[in-house]
Amino acid sequence: MLYTVIDPLEVFQTPKNEKTYCKKVANAVVEGVKYNQRILLTRLISTNPGDYLNPMFQPGSVWTEK
């Protein structure tokens, strides 16, 4: 049983068919969702704590693909 105030349809909704984009940058891997020519960053994978403080790698930032 799931105890939540959120609508069950919102909790168990099927994920949208989004294209995931992964790219290795320096010693980190960034993951995002691709929309047209833009990439919305959703995740950073790195062993360097300094990468998480870099504003360029923050989730929600938008990159343009070249």
C-alpha atoms as a PDB file:
ATOM      1  CA  MET A   1       0.000   0.000   0.000  1.00  0.00           C
ATOM      2  CA  LEU A   2       1.230   3.458  -0.870  1.00  0.00           C
ATOM      3  CA  TYR A   3       0.396   6.287   1.511  1.00  0.00           C
ATOM      4  CA  THR A   4       0.689   9.585  -0.326  1.00  0.00           C
ATOM      5  CA  VAL A   5      -1.273  12.769  -0.949  1.00  0.00           C
ATOM      6  CA  ILE A   6      -0.226  12.724  -4.610  1.00  0.00           C
ATOM      7  CA  ASP A   7      -2.704  11.407  -7.170  1.00  0.00           C
ATOM      8  CA  PRO A   8      -1.916   7.712  -7.944  1.00  0.00           C
ATOM      9  CA  LEU A   9      -2.082   8.455 -11.673  1.00  0.00           C
ATOM     10  CA  GLU A  10       0.735  10.945 -11.185  1.00  0.00           C
ATOM     11  CA  VAL A  11       2.843   8.506  -9.161  1.00  0.00           C
ATOM     12  CA  PHE A  12       2.445   5.531 -11.493  1.00  0.00           C
ATOM     13  CA  GLN A  13       2.383   7.316 -14.811  1.00  0.00           C
ATOM     14  CA  THR A  14       4.324   5.755 -17.628  1.00  0.00           C
ATOM     15  CA  PRO A  15       7.479   7.608 -18.585  1.00  0.00           C
ATOM     16  CA  LYS A  16       7.357   9.683 -21.726  1.00  0.00           C
ATOM     17  CA  ASN A  17       9.302   8.444 -24.685  1.00  0.00           C
ATOM     18  CA  GLU A  18      12.157  10.910 -24.338  1.00  0.00           C
ATOM     19  CA  LYS A  19      15.563  10.528 -25.914  1.00  0.00           C
ATOM     20  CA  THR A  20      18.246  10.376 -23.247  1.00  0.00           C
ATOM     21  CA  TYR A  21      21.503  12.030 -24.159  1.00  0.00           C
ATOM     22  CA  CYS A  22      24.809  11.081 -22.526  1.00  0.00           C
ATOM     23  CA  LYS A  23      28.134  12.758 -23.117  1.00  0.00           C
ATOM     24  CA  LYS A  24      31.539  12.452 -21.503  1.00  0.00           C
ATOM     25  CA  VAL A  25      32.955  15.843 -20.550  1.00  0.00           C
ATOM     26  CA  ALA A  26      36.450  15.872 -19.019  1.00  0.00           C
ATOM     27  CA  ASN A  27      36.257  13.243 -16.233  1.00  0.00           C
ATOM     28  CA  ALA A  28      32.483  13.423 -15.851  1.00  0.00           C
ATOM     29  CA  VAL A  29      29.447  12.084 -17.652  1.00  0.00           C
ATOM     30  CA  VAL A  30      26.422  14.317 -18.139  1.00  0.00           C
ATOM     31  CA  GLU A  31      22.978  12.984 -18.901  1.00  0.00           C
ATOM     32  CA  GLY A  32      20.053  14.924 -20.254  1.00  0.00           C
ATOM     33  CA  VAL A  33      16.927  14.958 -22.355  1.00  0.00           C
ATOM     34  CA  LYS A  34      17.182  16.085 -25.952  1.00  0.00           C
ATOM     35  CA  TYR A  35      14.641  18.567 -27.327  1.00  0.00           C
ATOM     36  CA  ASN A  36      15.276  19.764 -30.881  1.00  0.00           C
ATOM     37  CA  GLN A  37      18.816  21.207 -30.785  1.00  0.00           C
ATOM     38  CA  ARG A  38      18.842  21.703 -27.008  1.00  0.00           C
ATOM     39  CA  ILE A  39      19.748  19.364 -24.184  1.00  0.00           C
ATOM     40  CA  LEU A  40      18.238  19.791 -20.721  1.00  0.00           C
ATOM     41  CA  LEU A  41      20.696  18.364 -18.196  1.00  0.00           C
ATOM     42  CA  THR A  42      19.140  15.995 -15.704  1.00  0.00           C
ATOM     43  CA  ARG A  43      22.112  14.212 -14.136  1.00  0.00           C
ATOM     44  CA  LEU A  44      25.844  14.461 -13.527  1.00  0.00           C
ATOM     45  CA  ILE A  45      28.017  11.451 -12.813  1.00  0.00           C
ATOM     46  CA  SER A  46      31.475  12.309 -11.505  1.00  0.00           C
ATOM     47  CA  THR A  47      33.967  11.323  -8.836  1.00  0.00           C
ATOM     48  CA  ASN A  48      35.229  14.897  -8.526  1.00  0.00           C
ATOM     49  CA  PRO A  49      33.235  16.912  -5.952  1.00  0.00           C
ATOM     50  CA  GLY A  50      34.218  20.133  -7.726  1.00  0.00           C
ATOM     51  CA  ASP A  51      32.209  19.131 -10.794  1.00  0.00           C
ATOM     52  CA  TYR A  52      29.008  19.305  -8.751  1.00  0.00           C
ATOM     53  CA  LEU A  53      29.732  22.965  -7.924  1.00  0.00           C
ATOM     54  CA  ASN A  54      30.263  23.930 -11.570  1.00  0.00           C
ATOM     55  CA  PRO A  55      27.179  25.900 -12.739  1.00  0.00           C
ATOM     56  CA  MET A  56      27.603  24.485 -16.247  1.00  0.00           C
ATOM     57  CA  PHE A  57      26.780  20.979 -14.951  1.00  0.00           C
ATOM     58  CA  GLN A  58      23.822  21.873 -12.730  1.00  0.00           C
ATOM     59  CA  PRO A  59      20.600  19.944 -13.403  1.00  0.00           C
ATOM     60  CA  GLY A  60      18.155  22.111 -15.291  1.00  0.00           C
ATOM     61  CA  SER A  61      20.806  23.947 -17.274  1.00  0.00           C
ATOM     62  CA  VAL A  62      20.360  23.952 -21.040  1.00  0.00           C
ATOM     63  CA  TRP A  63      23.057  23.100 -23.559  1.00  0.00           C
ATOM     64  CA  THR A  64      22.857  23.640 -27.296  1.00  0.00           C
ATOM     65  CA  GLU A  65      24.157  20.844 -29.461  1.00  0.00           C
ATOM     66  CA  LYS A  66      26.682  21.861 -32.076  1.00  0.00           C
END
